[in-house]
Amino acid sequence: MVMRKARPILVVTAVMFVVFGAAYVSAQQPDVKSLAGKWRGWASPTGGSNVSLEVDVNPDGSYTSKWGGKLGKGTIKAEGGKLTAVGQLITGTGATYAGAGTSELTLTTKEGKQVMTGYGRDNDGPFNFQLTKQ
């Protein structure tokens, strides 16, 4: 009789473990589509002060950026459980070409808004940034 009552409890516990385990794994996998939209904040290069940074991300992960008055473009990718942005941070007429840069991204929530922070390196050296989804 004890075995009959224990078996359903064991089955329910196993099902809950599988469901919560799957939810945990899916929460760990970054979703590039969820980044789509306008992001605003600042970038801080090693050799200078904070500069305004605006990034418009498309659902496919491609983005355009404006670092101060300079334009750029690139792609955000999810690989190995991490988000990375690869692209040109500065391009355009009259701008200094900074080359293709790579940034590792971290997503958090602050005061109910998505916040993207990261660090990277381009031809001018290392930088970090913080953006809030608008």
C-alpha atoms as a PDB file:
ATOM      1  CA  MET A   1       0.000   0.000   0.000  1.00  0.00           C
ATOM      2  CA  VAL A   2       2.848   2.363   0.814  1.00  0.00           C
ATOM      3  CA  MET A   3       4.432   1.541  -2.553  1.00  0.00           C
ATOM      4  CA  ARG A   4       1.274   2.521  -4.467  1.00  0.00           C
ATOM      5  CA  LYS A   5       1.203   5.997  -2.860  1.00  0.00           C
ATOM      6  CA  ALA A   6       4.936   6.547  -3.291  1.00  0.00           C
ATOM      7  CA  ARG A   7       4.957   5.709  -6.989  1.00  0.00           C
ATOM      8  CA  PRO A   8       2.674   8.613  -8.139  1.00  0.00           C
ATOM      9  CA  ILE A   9       4.675  11.029  -5.985  1.00  0.00           C
ATOM     10  CA  LEU A  10       7.887   9.758  -7.548  1.00  0.00           C
ATOM     11  CA  VAL A  11       6.443  10.152 -11.073  1.00  0.00           C
ATOM     12  CA  VAL A  12       5.207  13.705 -10.345  1.00  0.00           C
ATOM     13  CA  THR A  13       8.583  14.621  -8.873  1.00  0.00           C
ATOM     14  CA  ALA A  14      10.418  13.245 -11.926  1.00  0.00           C
ATOM     15  CA  VAL A  15       8.123  15.154 -14.310  1.00  0.00           C
ATOM     16  CA  MET A  16       8.651  18.392 -12.353  1.00  0.00           C
ATOM     17  CA  PHE A  17      12.407  17.848 -12.468  1.00  0.00           C
ATOM     18  CA  VAL A  18      12.334  17.427 -16.266  1.00  0.00           C
ATOM     19  CA  VAL A  19      10.094  20.482 -16.782  1.00  0.00           C
ATOM     20  CA  PHE A  20      12.135  22.743 -14.526  1.00  0.00           C
ATOM     21  CA  GLY A  21      15.379  21.407 -15.952  1.00  0.00           C
ATOM     22  CA  ALA A  22      14.242  22.174 -19.500  1.00  0.00           C
ATOM     23  CA  ALA A  23      13.123  25.664 -18.462  1.00  0.00           C
ATOM     24  CA  TYR A  24      16.514  26.286 -16.841  1.00  0.00           C
ATOM     25  CA  VAL A  25      18.408  25.159 -19.944  1.00  0.00           C
ATOM     26  CA  SER A  26      16.242  27.283 -22.270  1.00  0.00           C
ATOM     27  CA  ALA A  27      16.725  30.289 -19.978  1.00  0.00           C
ATOM     28  CA  GLN A  28      20.479  29.835 -20.329  1.00  0.00           C
ATOM     29  CA  GLN A  29      20.378  29.954 -24.141  1.00  0.00           C
ATOM     30  CA  PRO A  30      20.458  33.554 -25.364  1.00  0.00           C
ATOM     31  CA  ASP A  31      17.789  34.546 -27.863  1.00  0.00           C
ATOM     32  CA  VAL A  32      18.966  37.064 -30.454  1.00  0.00           C
ATOM     33  CA  LYS A  33      15.377  37.810 -31.548  1.00  0.00           C
ATOM     34  CA  SER A  34      14.572  39.143 -28.071  1.00  0.00           C
ATOM     35  CA  LEU A  35      17.225  41.839 -28.545  1.00  0.00           C
ATOM     36  CA  ALA A  36      15.386  43.450 -31.488  1.00  0.00           C
ATOM     37  CA  GLY A  37      14.689  47.130 -30.886  1.00  0.00           C
ATOM     38  CA  LYS A  38      16.387  50.389 -29.982  1.00  0.00           C
ATOM     39  CA  TRP A  39      19.100  50.459 -27.334  1.00  0.00           C
ATOM     40  CA  ARG A  40      20.588  53.665 -25.885  1.00  0.00           C
ATOM     41  CA  GLY A  41      23.459  54.266 -23.495  1.00  0.00           C
ATOM     42  CA  TRP A  42      27.174  54.969 -23.472  1.00  0.00           C
ATOM     43  CA  ALA A  43      30.524  53.499 -24.422  1.00  0.00           C
ATOM     44  CA  SER A  44      33.710  54.101 -22.508  1.00  0.00           C
ATOM     45  CA  PRO A  45      36.945  53.695 -24.473  1.00  0.00           C
ATOM     46  CA  THR A  46      40.116  53.215 -22.453  1.00  0.00           C
ATOM     47  CA  GLY A  47      41.685  56.419 -23.735  1.00  0.00           C
ATOM     48  CA  GLY A  48      38.742  58.760 -23.194  1.00  0.00           C
ATOM     49  CA  SER A  49      35.493  59.637 -21.509  1.00  0.00           C
ATOM     50  CA  ASN A  50      31.990  58.236 -22.005  1.00  0.00           C
ATOM     51  CA  VAL A  51      30.523  58.628 -25.489  1.00  0.00           C
ATOM     52  CA  SER A  52      26.820  58.274 -26.352  1.00  0.00           C
ATOM     53  CA  LEU A  53      26.028  54.980 -28.045  1.00  0.00           C
ATOM     54  CA  GLU A  54      22.839  54.075 -29.905  1.00  0.00           C
ATOM     55  CA  VAL A  55      22.251  50.629 -31.358  1.00  0.00           C
ATOM     56  CA  ASP A  56      19.263  49.470 -33.423  1.00  0.00           C
ATOM     57  CA  VAL A  57      19.040  45.661 -33.453  1.00  0.00           C
ATOM     58  CA  ASN A  58      16.998  43.729 -36.045  1.00  0.00           C
ATOM     59  CA  PRO A  59      15.330  40.361 -35.268  1.00  0.00           C
ATOM     60  CA  ASP A  60      18.029  38.542 -37.289  1.00  0.00           C
ATOM     61  CA  GLY A  61      20.761  40.022 -35.046  1.00  0.00           C
ATOM     62  CA  SER A  62      22.072  42.559 -37.555  1.00  0.00           C
ATOM     63  CA  TYR A  63      22.519  46.032 -36.101  1.00  0.00           C
ATOM     64  CA  THR A  64      23.394  49.602 -36.917  1.00  0.00           C
ATOM     65  CA  SER A  65      25.144  51.795 -34.380  1.00  0.00           C
ATOM     66  CA  LYS A  66      25.994  55.388 -33.740  1.00  0.00           C
ATOM     67  CA  TRP A  67      29.000  55.939 -31.468  1.00  0.00           C
ATOM     68  CA  GLY A  68      29.099  59.676 -30.839  1.00  0.00           C
ATOM     69  CA  GLY A  69      28.669  60.988 -34.385  1.00  0.00           C
ATOM     70  CA  LYS A  70      30.167  57.951 -36.122  1.00  0.00           C
ATOM     71  CA  LEU A  71      28.154  55.158 -37.722  1.00  0.00           C
ATOM     72  CA  GLY A  72      28.716  51.407 -37.722  1.00  0.00           C
ATOM     73  CA  LYS A  73      27.073  48.067 -38.376  1.00  0.00           C
ATOM     74  CA  GLY A  74      27.469  44.432 -37.436  1.00  0.00           C
ATOM     75  CA  THR A  75      25.794  41.268 -36.193  1.00  0.00           C
ATOM     76  CA  ILE A  76      24.952  39.845 -32.787  1.00  0.00           C
ATOM     77  CA  LYS A  77      25.285  36.066 -32.564  1.00  0.00           C
ATOM     78  CA  ALA A  78      24.482  33.450 -29.945  1.00  0.00           C
ATOM     79  CA  GLU A  79      27.205  30.795 -29.822  1.00  0.00           C
ATOM     80  CA  GLY A  80      28.100  28.406 -27.076  1.00  0.00           C
ATOM     81  CA  GLY A  81      25.603  29.953 -24.670  1.00  0.00           C
ATOM     82  CA  LYS A  82      27.120  33.422 -25.089  1.00  0.00           C
ATOM     83  CA  LEU A  83      26.149  36.531 -27.013  1.00  0.00           C
ATOM     84  CA  THR A  84      28.788  38.280 -29.079  1.00  0.00           C
ATOM     85  CA  ALA A  85      28.639  41.313 -31.339  1.00  0.00           C
ATOM     86  CA  VAL A  86      30.946  41.377 -34.335  1.00  0.00           C
ATOM     87  CA  GLY A  87      31.148  44.382 -36.600  1.00  0.00           C
ATOM     88  CA  GLN A  88      32.452  47.770 -37.462  1.00  0.00           C
ATOM     89  CA  LEU A  89      31.828  50.215 -34.686  1.00  0.00           C
ATOM     90  CA  ILE A  90      32.914  53.208 -36.724  1.00  0.00           C
ATOM     91  CA  THR A  91      32.508  53.617 -40.488  1.00  0.00           C
ATOM     92  CA  GLY A  92      31.447  56.314 -42.890  1.00  0.00           C
ATOM     93  CA  THR A  93      32.691  59.414 -44.658  1.00  0.00           C
ATOM     94  CA  GLY A  94      35.107  61.481 -42.602  1.00  0.00           C
ATOM     95  CA  ALA A  95      35.288  58.901 -39.802  1.00  0.00           C
ATOM     96  CA  THR A  96      38.329  57.042 -38.647  1.00  0.00           C
ATOM     97  CA  TYR A  97      37.991  53.388 -39.497  1.00  0.00           C
ATOM     98  CA  ALA A  98      38.190  51.360 -36.320  1.00  0.00           C
ATOM     99  CA  GLY A  99      38.075  47.954 -37.985  1.00  0.00           C
ATOM    100  CA  ALA A 100      35.999  44.958 -37.086  1.00  0.00           C
ATOM    101  CA  GLY A 101      35.540  44.710 -33.353  1.00  0.00           C
ATOM    102  CA  THR A 102      34.239  41.899 -31.188  1.00  0.00           C
ATOM    103  CA  SER A 103      32.273  42.403 -27.982  1.00  0.00           C
ATOM    104  CA  GLU A 104      30.970  39.901 -25.451  1.00  0.00           C
ATOM    105  CA  LEU A 105      27.486  40.844 -24.248  1.00  0.00           C
ATOM    106  CA  THR A 106      25.693  40.318 -20.930  1.00  0.00           C
ATOM    107  CA  LEU A 107      21.947  40.799 -20.490  1.00  0.00           C
ATOM    108  CA  THR A 108      20.321  41.768 -17.200  1.00  0.00           C
ATOM    109  CA  THR A 109      17.130  43.461 -16.044  1.00  0.00           C
ATOM    110  CA  LYS A 110      17.306  46.695 -14.073  1.00  0.00           C
ATOM    111  CA  GLU A 111      14.217  48.520 -12.862  1.00  0.00           C
ATOM    112  CA  GLY A 112      12.068  46.470 -15.224  1.00  0.00           C
ATOM    113  CA  LYS A 113      14.118  47.242 -18.356  1.00  0.00           C
ATOM    114  CA  GLN A 114      16.538  45.055 -20.303  1.00  0.00           C
ATOM    115  CA  VAL A 115      20.142  46.193 -19.937  1.00  0.00           C
ATOM    116  CA  MET A 116      22.975  45.051 -22.208  1.00  0.00           C
ATOM    117  CA  THR A 117      26.525  45.485 -20.974  1.00  0.00           C
ATOM    118  CA  GLY A 118      29.751  44.337 -22.466  1.00  0.00           C
ATOM    119  CA  TYR A 119      33.352  44.841 -23.229  1.00  0.00           C
ATOM    120  CA  GLY A 120      35.309  44.515 -26.382  1.00  0.00           C
ATOM    121  CA  ARG A 121      38.323  45.501 -28.378  1.00  0.00           C
ATOM    122  CA  ASP A 122      38.762  47.221 -31.689  1.00  0.00           C
ATOM    123  CA  ASN A 123      41.770  48.764 -33.456  1.00  0.00           C
ATOM    124  CA  ASP A 124      41.755  51.668 -30.982  1.00  0.00           C
ATOM    125  CA  GLY A 125      41.927  49.367 -27.955  1.00  0.00           C
ATOM    126  CA  PRO A 126      39.555  48.026 -25.305  1.00  0.00           C
ATOM    127  CA  PHE A 127      36.210  49.583 -24.404  1.00  0.00           C
ATOM    128  CA  ASN A 128      33.130  48.802 -22.348  1.00  0.00           C
ATOM    129  CA  PHE A 129      29.516  49.864 -22.736  1.00  0.00           C
ATOM    130  CA  GLN A 130      26.069  49.845 -21.192  1.00  0.00           C
ATOM    131  CA  LEU A 131      22.811  50.068 -23.160  1.00  0.00           C
ATOM    132  CA  THR A 132      19.182  50.091 -22.048  1.00  0.00           C
ATOM    133  CA  LYS A 133      16.402  48.822 -24.300  1.00  0.00           C
ATOM    134  CA  GLN A 134      13.978  51.614 -25.106  1.00  0.00           C
END
